[in-house]
Amino acid sequence: MKIESPTFTMDDIRAFMTSYRDRERQLLADRLQRVSERVAELGPRVKRHVDDTESEWNAHETLAHIAVVSKFYGVLVHRIASGKLDDMNLLEAVNMRDSAGRQMAELEPDELARQAVADQQRTIKTLREVDPGSLERSARVDDGTSMTAEQVARMPLITHLEMHVEQLEKMLSR
């Protein structure tokens, strides 16, 4: 095997790293696209049912949560990546997100699915088009923690949505 590294320059290393970051953001966008397709398929199967007395969410409430998460964390990804957000109280924001979830649960399931998919598509567009370095921008989320736009996209947005879509699939298969 030919050894090529002795000819590398720091510009080469930077270019490799940029290509790796670019690949990662495309993979994130692909994952979110699969979530979006599942939400579009599952949404019409959800029946309207809101009951604050139940301890577990039903399919309608889970779909409402998916819609809120899609909006909330999608906006955070965009705002952090664009440099418009560098400091926030995450716990306070999550509490506001949950209040919005109660309001969203009043909407019909087809509207919830439509809104979730629209918000997911905006975030997919951001992930596909943003400069890879922009996803490395970070925001302080409390007095000792910060998160990059990529970390927000990866964990609280995409992984979170994947888990709730799996939960919704199980509910609808019963």
C-alpha atoms as a PDB file:
ATOM      1  CA  MET A   1       0.000   0.000   0.000  1.00  0.00           C
ATOM      2  CA  LYS A   2       1.316   3.428  -0.945  1.00  0.00           C
ATOM      3  CA  ILE A   3       1.968   5.685   2.027  1.00  0.00           C
ATOM      4  CA  GLU A   4       0.601   9.101   1.229  1.00  0.00           C
ATOM      5  CA  SER A   5       0.602  10.965   4.539  1.00  0.00           C
ATOM      6  CA  PRO A   6       4.150  12.362   4.263  1.00  0.00           C
ATOM      7  CA  THR A   7       2.936  14.619   1.451  1.00  0.00           C
ATOM      8  CA  PHE A   8      -0.054  15.961   3.410  1.00  0.00           C
ATOM      9  CA  THR A   9      -0.187  19.580   4.390  1.00  0.00           C
ATOM     10  CA  MET A  10      -2.373  21.171   7.050  1.00  0.00           C
ATOM     11  CA  ASP A  11      -4.597  22.369   4.216  1.00  0.00           C
ATOM     12  CA  ASP A  12      -5.084  18.719   3.225  1.00  0.00           C
ATOM     13  CA  ILE A  13      -5.985  17.790   6.800  1.00  0.00           C
ATOM     14  CA  ARG A  14      -8.469  20.696   6.996  1.00  0.00           C
ATOM     15  CA  ALA A  15     -10.000  19.597   3.685  1.00  0.00           C
ATOM     16  CA  PHE A  16     -10.347  16.016   4.940  1.00  0.00           C
ATOM     17  CA  MET A  17     -12.027  17.242   8.128  1.00  0.00           C
ATOM     18  CA  THR A  18     -14.391  19.436   6.118  1.00  0.00           C
ATOM     19  CA  SER A  19     -15.343  16.473   3.948  1.00  0.00           C
ATOM     20  CA  TYR A  20     -15.976  14.360   7.070  1.00  0.00           C
ATOM     21  CA  ARG A  21     -18.167  17.096   8.597  1.00  0.00           C
ATOM     22  CA  ASP A  22     -20.005  17.423   5.296  1.00  0.00           C
ATOM     23  CA  ARG A  23     -20.658  13.677   5.227  1.00  0.00           C
ATOM     24  CA  GLU A  24     -21.916  13.751   8.825  1.00  0.00           C
ATOM     25  CA  ARG A  25     -24.383  16.568   8.161  1.00  0.00           C
ATOM     26  CA  GLN A  26     -25.708  14.742   5.093  1.00  0.00           C
ATOM     27  CA  LEU A  27     -26.174  11.592   7.194  1.00  0.00           C
ATOM     28  CA  LEU A  28     -28.043  13.637   9.809  1.00  0.00           C
ATOM     29  CA  ALA A  29     -30.260  15.092   7.093  1.00  0.00           C
ATOM     30  CA  ASP A  30     -30.904  11.570   5.747  1.00  0.00           C
ATOM     31  CA  ARG A  31     -31.943  10.356   9.219  1.00  0.00           C
ATOM     32  CA  LEU A  32     -34.288  13.291   9.663  1.00  0.00           C
ATOM     33  CA  GLN A  33     -35.711  12.662   6.178  1.00  0.00           C
ATOM     34  CA  ARG A  34     -36.560   9.082   7.186  1.00  0.00           C
ATOM     35  CA  VAL A  35     -38.256  10.387  10.357  1.00  0.00           C
ATOM     36  CA  SER A  36     -40.219  12.869   8.277  1.00  0.00           C
ATOM     37  CA  GLU A  37     -41.377  10.184   5.853  1.00  0.00           C
ATOM     38  CA  ARG A  38     -42.548   7.998   8.763  1.00  0.00           C
ATOM     39  CA  VAL A  39     -44.428  10.892  10.386  1.00  0.00           C
ATOM     40  CA  ALA A  40     -46.128  11.612   7.053  1.00  0.00           C
ATOM     41  CA  GLU A  41     -47.155   7.935   6.794  1.00  0.00           C
ATOM     42  CA  LEU A  42     -48.229   7.505  10.420  1.00  0.00           C
ATOM     43  CA  GLY A  43     -50.012  10.820  10.933  1.00  0.00           C
ATOM     44  CA  PRO A  44     -53.187   9.903   9.017  1.00  0.00           C
ATOM     45  CA  ARG A  45     -53.556   6.760  11.147  1.00  0.00           C
ATOM     46  CA  VAL A  46     -53.629   8.690  14.439  1.00  0.00           C
ATOM     47  CA  LYS A  47     -57.073   9.276  15.948  1.00  0.00           C
ATOM     48  CA  ARG A  48     -57.833  12.434  17.908  1.00  0.00           C
ATOM     49  CA  HIS A  49     -57.715  11.661  21.628  1.00  0.00           C
ATOM     50  CA  VAL A  50     -56.496  13.948  24.397  1.00  0.00           C
ATOM     51  CA  ASP A  51     -56.861  12.872  28.014  1.00  0.00           C
ATOM     52  CA  ASP A  52     -54.909  14.643  30.762  1.00  0.00           C
ATOM     53  CA  THR A  53     -55.961  11.984  33.265  1.00  0.00           C
ATOM     54  CA  GLU A  54     -53.895   9.220  31.654  1.00  0.00           C
ATOM     55  CA  SER A  55     -50.323   8.788  32.894  1.00  0.00           C
ATOM     56  CA  GLU A  56     -48.989   7.673  29.492  1.00  0.00           C
ATOM     57  CA  TRP A  57     -49.238   9.606  26.255  1.00  0.00           C
ATOM     58  CA  ASN A  58     -51.542   8.199  23.624  1.00  0.00           C
ATOM     59  CA  ALA A  59     -50.808   8.325  19.872  1.00  0.00           C
ATOM     60  CA  HIS A  60     -52.348  11.794  19.445  1.00  0.00           C
ATOM     61  CA  GLU A  61     -50.334  13.247  22.315  1.00  0.00           C
ATOM     62  CA  THR A  62     -47.164  11.570  21.063  1.00  0.00           C
ATOM     63  CA  LEU A  63     -47.738  13.076  17.620  1.00  0.00           C
ATOM     64  CA  ALA A  64     -48.253  16.494  19.249  1.00  0.00           C
ATOM     65  CA  HIS A  65     -44.936  16.058  21.057  1.00  0.00           C
ATOM     66  CA  ILE A  66     -43.246  15.094  17.777  1.00  0.00           C
ATOM     67  CA  ALA A  67     -44.609  18.292  16.209  1.00  0.00           C
ATOM     68  CA  VAL A  68     -43.345  20.448  19.078  1.00  0.00           C
ATOM     69  CA  VAL A  69     -39.912  18.799  19.154  1.00  0.00           C
ATOM     70  CA  SER A  70     -39.623  19.220  15.374  1.00  0.00           C
ATOM     71  CA  LYS A  71     -40.283  22.948  15.650  1.00  0.00           C
ATOM     72  CA  PHE A  72     -38.414  23.681  18.888  1.00  0.00           C
ATOM     73  CA  TYR A  73     -35.130  21.892  18.222  1.00  0.00           C
ATOM     74  CA  GLY A  74     -35.215  22.656  14.494  1.00  0.00           C
ATOM     75  CA  VAL A  75     -35.320  26.366  15.312  1.00  0.00           C
ATOM     76  CA  LEU A  76     -32.451  25.905  17.790  1.00  0.00           C
ATOM     77  CA  VAL A  77     -30.332  24.157  15.150  1.00  0.00           C
ATOM     78  CA  HIS A  78     -30.948  26.986  12.692  1.00  0.00           C
ATOM     79  CA  ARG A  79     -30.389  29.791  15.215  1.00  0.00           C
ATOM     80  CA  ILE A  80     -27.185  28.302  16.626  1.00  0.00           C
ATOM     81  CA  ALA A  81     -25.780  27.441  13.174  1.00  0.00           C
ATOM     82  CA  SER A  82     -26.533  30.947  11.891  1.00  0.00           C
ATOM     83  CA  GLY A  83     -24.875  32.575  14.909  1.00  0.00           C
ATOM     84  CA  LYS A  84     -28.140  34.135  16.122  1.00  0.00           C
ATOM     85  CA  LEU A  85     -28.159  32.242  19.422  1.00  0.00           C
ATOM     86  CA  ASP A  86     -25.178  31.861  21.696  1.00  0.00           C
ATOM     87  CA  ASP A  87     -26.786  31.674  25.146  1.00  0.00           C
ATOM     88  CA  MET A  88     -30.044  30.217  26.439  1.00  0.00           C
ATOM     89  CA  ASN A  89     -31.639  28.705  29.506  1.00  0.00           C
ATOM     90  CA  LEU A  90     -32.366  25.213  28.180  1.00  0.00           C
ATOM     91  CA  LEU A  91     -34.448  24.103  31.156  1.00  0.00           C
ATOM     92  CA  GLU A  92     -36.690  27.159  30.853  1.00  0.00           C
ATOM     93  CA  ALA A  93     -36.968  26.622  27.094  1.00  0.00           C
ATOM     94  CA  VAL A  94     -37.908  22.946  27.583  1.00  0.00           C
ATOM     95  CA  ASN A  95     -40.627  23.987  30.032  1.00  0.00           C
ATOM     96  CA  MET A  96     -42.008  26.417  27.439  1.00  0.00           C
ATOM     97  CA  ARG A  97     -41.787  23.635  24.835  1.00  0.00           C
ATOM     98  CA  ASP A  98     -43.930  21.395  27.022  1.00  0.00           C
ATOM     99  CA  SER A  99     -46.531  24.129  27.466  1.00  0.00           C
ATOM    100  CA  ALA A 100     -46.646  24.483  23.703  1.00  0.00           C
ATOM    101  CA  GLY A 101     -47.165  20.712  23.507  1.00  0.00           C
ATOM    102  CA  ARG A 102     -50.392  20.990  25.473  1.00  0.00           C
ATOM    103  CA  GLN A 103     -51.645  23.587  23.026  1.00  0.00           C
ATOM    104  CA  MET A 104     -50.522  21.549  20.029  1.00  0.00           C
ATOM    105  CA  ALA A 105     -52.437  18.528  21.333  1.00  0.00           C
ATOM    106  CA  GLU A 106     -55.637  20.501  20.657  1.00  0.00           C
ATOM    107  CA  LEU A 107     -54.929  20.310  16.912  1.00  0.00           C
ATOM    108  CA  GLU A 108     -56.183  17.524  14.677  1.00  0.00           C
ATOM    109  CA  PRO A 109     -53.666  14.728  14.023  1.00  0.00           C
ATOM    110  CA  ASP A 110     -53.421  15.485  10.301  1.00  0.00           C
ATOM    111  CA  GLU A 111     -52.516  19.102  11.097  1.00  0.00           C
ATOM    112  CA  LEU A 112     -49.937  17.977  13.666  1.00  0.00           C
ATOM    113  CA  ALA A 113     -48.336  15.657  11.114  1.00  0.00           C
ATOM    114  CA  ARG A 114     -48.380  18.388   8.463  1.00  0.00           C
ATOM    115  CA  GLN A 115     -46.695  20.891  10.785  1.00  0.00           C
ATOM    116  CA  ALA A 116     -44.127  18.363  12.002  1.00  0.00           C
ATOM    117  CA  VAL A 117     -43.170  17.379   8.456  1.00  0.00           C
ATOM    118  CA  ALA A 118     -42.941  21.037   7.361  1.00  0.00           C
ATOM    119  CA  ASP A 119     -40.647  21.871  10.288  1.00  0.00           C
ATOM    120  CA  GLN A 120     -38.548  18.766   9.676  1.00  0.00           C
ATOM    121  CA  GLN A 121     -38.181  19.692   6.004  1.00  0.00           C
ATOM    122  CA  ARG A 122     -36.930  23.168   6.949  1.00  0.00           C
ATOM    123  CA  THR A 123     -34.321  21.608   9.219  1.00  0.00           C
ATOM    124  CA  ILE A 124     -33.335  19.074   6.549  1.00  0.00           C
ATOM    125  CA  LYS A 125     -32.828  22.000   4.149  1.00  0.00           C
ATOM    126  CA  THR A 126     -30.644  23.746   6.740  1.00  0.00           C
ATOM    127  CA  LEU A 127     -28.588  20.595   7.307  1.00  0.00           C
ATOM    128  CA  ARG A 128     -28.107  20.019   3.586  1.00  0.00           C
ATOM    129  CA  GLU A 129     -27.231  23.614   2.712  1.00  0.00           C
ATOM    130  CA  VAL A 130     -25.399  25.097   5.692  1.00  0.00           C
ATOM    131  CA  ASP A 131     -21.646  25.421   5.642  1.00  0.00           C
ATOM    132  CA  PRO A 132     -20.335  22.392   7.570  1.00  0.00           C
ATOM    133  CA  GLY A 133     -18.404  24.660   9.922  1.00  0.00           C
ATOM    134  CA  SER A 134     -21.618  26.437  10.930  1.00  0.00           C
ATOM    135  CA  LEU A 135     -22.808  23.292  12.668  1.00  0.00           C
ATOM    136  CA  GLU A 136     -19.794  23.611  14.973  1.00  0.00           C
ATOM    137  CA  ARG A 137     -21.089  26.899  16.386  1.00  0.00           C
ATOM    138  CA  SER A 138     -22.247  26.489  19.942  1.00  0.00           C
ATOM    139  CA  ALA A 139     -24.628  28.025  22.433  1.00  0.00           C
ATOM    140  CA  ARG A 140     -24.275  27.971  26.184  1.00  0.00           C
ATOM    141  CA  VAL A 141     -27.300  26.083  27.564  1.00  0.00           C
ATOM    142  CA  ASP A 142     -26.587  26.637  31.248  1.00  0.00           C
ATOM    143  CA  ASP A 143     -23.772  28.011  33.364  1.00  0.00           C
ATOM    144  CA  GLY A 144     -21.401  25.168  32.535  1.00  0.00           C
ATOM    145  CA  THR A 145     -22.632  23.423  29.399  1.00  0.00           C
ATOM    146  CA  SER A 146     -22.737  24.316  25.742  1.00  0.00           C
ATOM    147  CA  MET A 147     -24.013  22.462  22.696  1.00  0.00           C
ATOM    148  CA  THR A 148     -23.110  22.823  19.035  1.00  0.00           C
ATOM    149  CA  ALA A 149     -25.779  23.072  16.377  1.00  0.00           C
ATOM    150  CA  GLU A 150     -24.761  19.566  15.262  1.00  0.00           C
ATOM    151  CA  GLN A 151     -25.186  18.178  18.779  1.00  0.00           C
ATOM    152  CA  VAL A 152     -28.665  19.700  19.023  1.00  0.00           C
ATOM    153  CA  ALA A 153     -29.548  18.232  15.621  1.00  0.00           C
ATOM    154  CA  ARG A 154     -28.141  14.806  16.471  1.00  0.00           C
ATOM    155  CA  MET A 155     -29.497  14.190  19.974  1.00  0.00           C
ATOM    156  CA  PRO A 156     -32.466  16.285  21.155  1.00  0.00           C
ATOM    157  CA  LEU A 157     -33.861  16.581  17.638  1.00  0.00           C
ATOM    158  CA  ILE A 158     -33.158  13.522  15.478  1.00  0.00           C
ATOM    159  CA  THR A 159     -32.490  10.800  18.045  1.00  0.00           C
ATOM    160  CA  HIS A 160     -35.375  12.092  20.173  1.00  0.00           C
ATOM    161  CA  LEU A 161     -37.720  12.048  17.164  1.00  0.00           C
ATOM    162  CA  GLU A 162     -36.588   8.572  16.114  1.00  0.00           C
ATOM    163  CA  MET A 163     -37.463   7.269  19.576  1.00  0.00           C
ATOM    164  CA  HIS A 164     -40.923   8.857  19.547  1.00  0.00           C
ATOM    165  CA  VAL A 165     -41.646   7.676  16.001  1.00  0.00           C
ATOM    166  CA  GLU A 166     -40.824   4.125  17.127  1.00  0.00           C
ATOM    167  CA  GLN A 167     -43.140   4.650  20.113  1.00  0.00           C
ATOM    168  CA  LEU A 168     -45.896   5.922  17.796  1.00  0.00           C
ATOM    169  CA  GLU A 169     -45.435   2.949  15.446  1.00  0.00           C
ATOM    170  CA  LYS A 170     -45.889   0.550  18.367  1.00  0.00           C
ATOM    171  CA  MET A 171     -49.015   2.376  19.553  1.00  0.00           C
ATOM    172  CA  LEU A 172     -50.563   2.241  16.112  1.00  0.00           C
ATOM    173  CA  SER A 173     -49.779  -1.446  15.628  1.00  0.00           C
ATOM    174  CA  ARG A 174     -51.864  -2.457  18.658  1.00  0.00           C
END
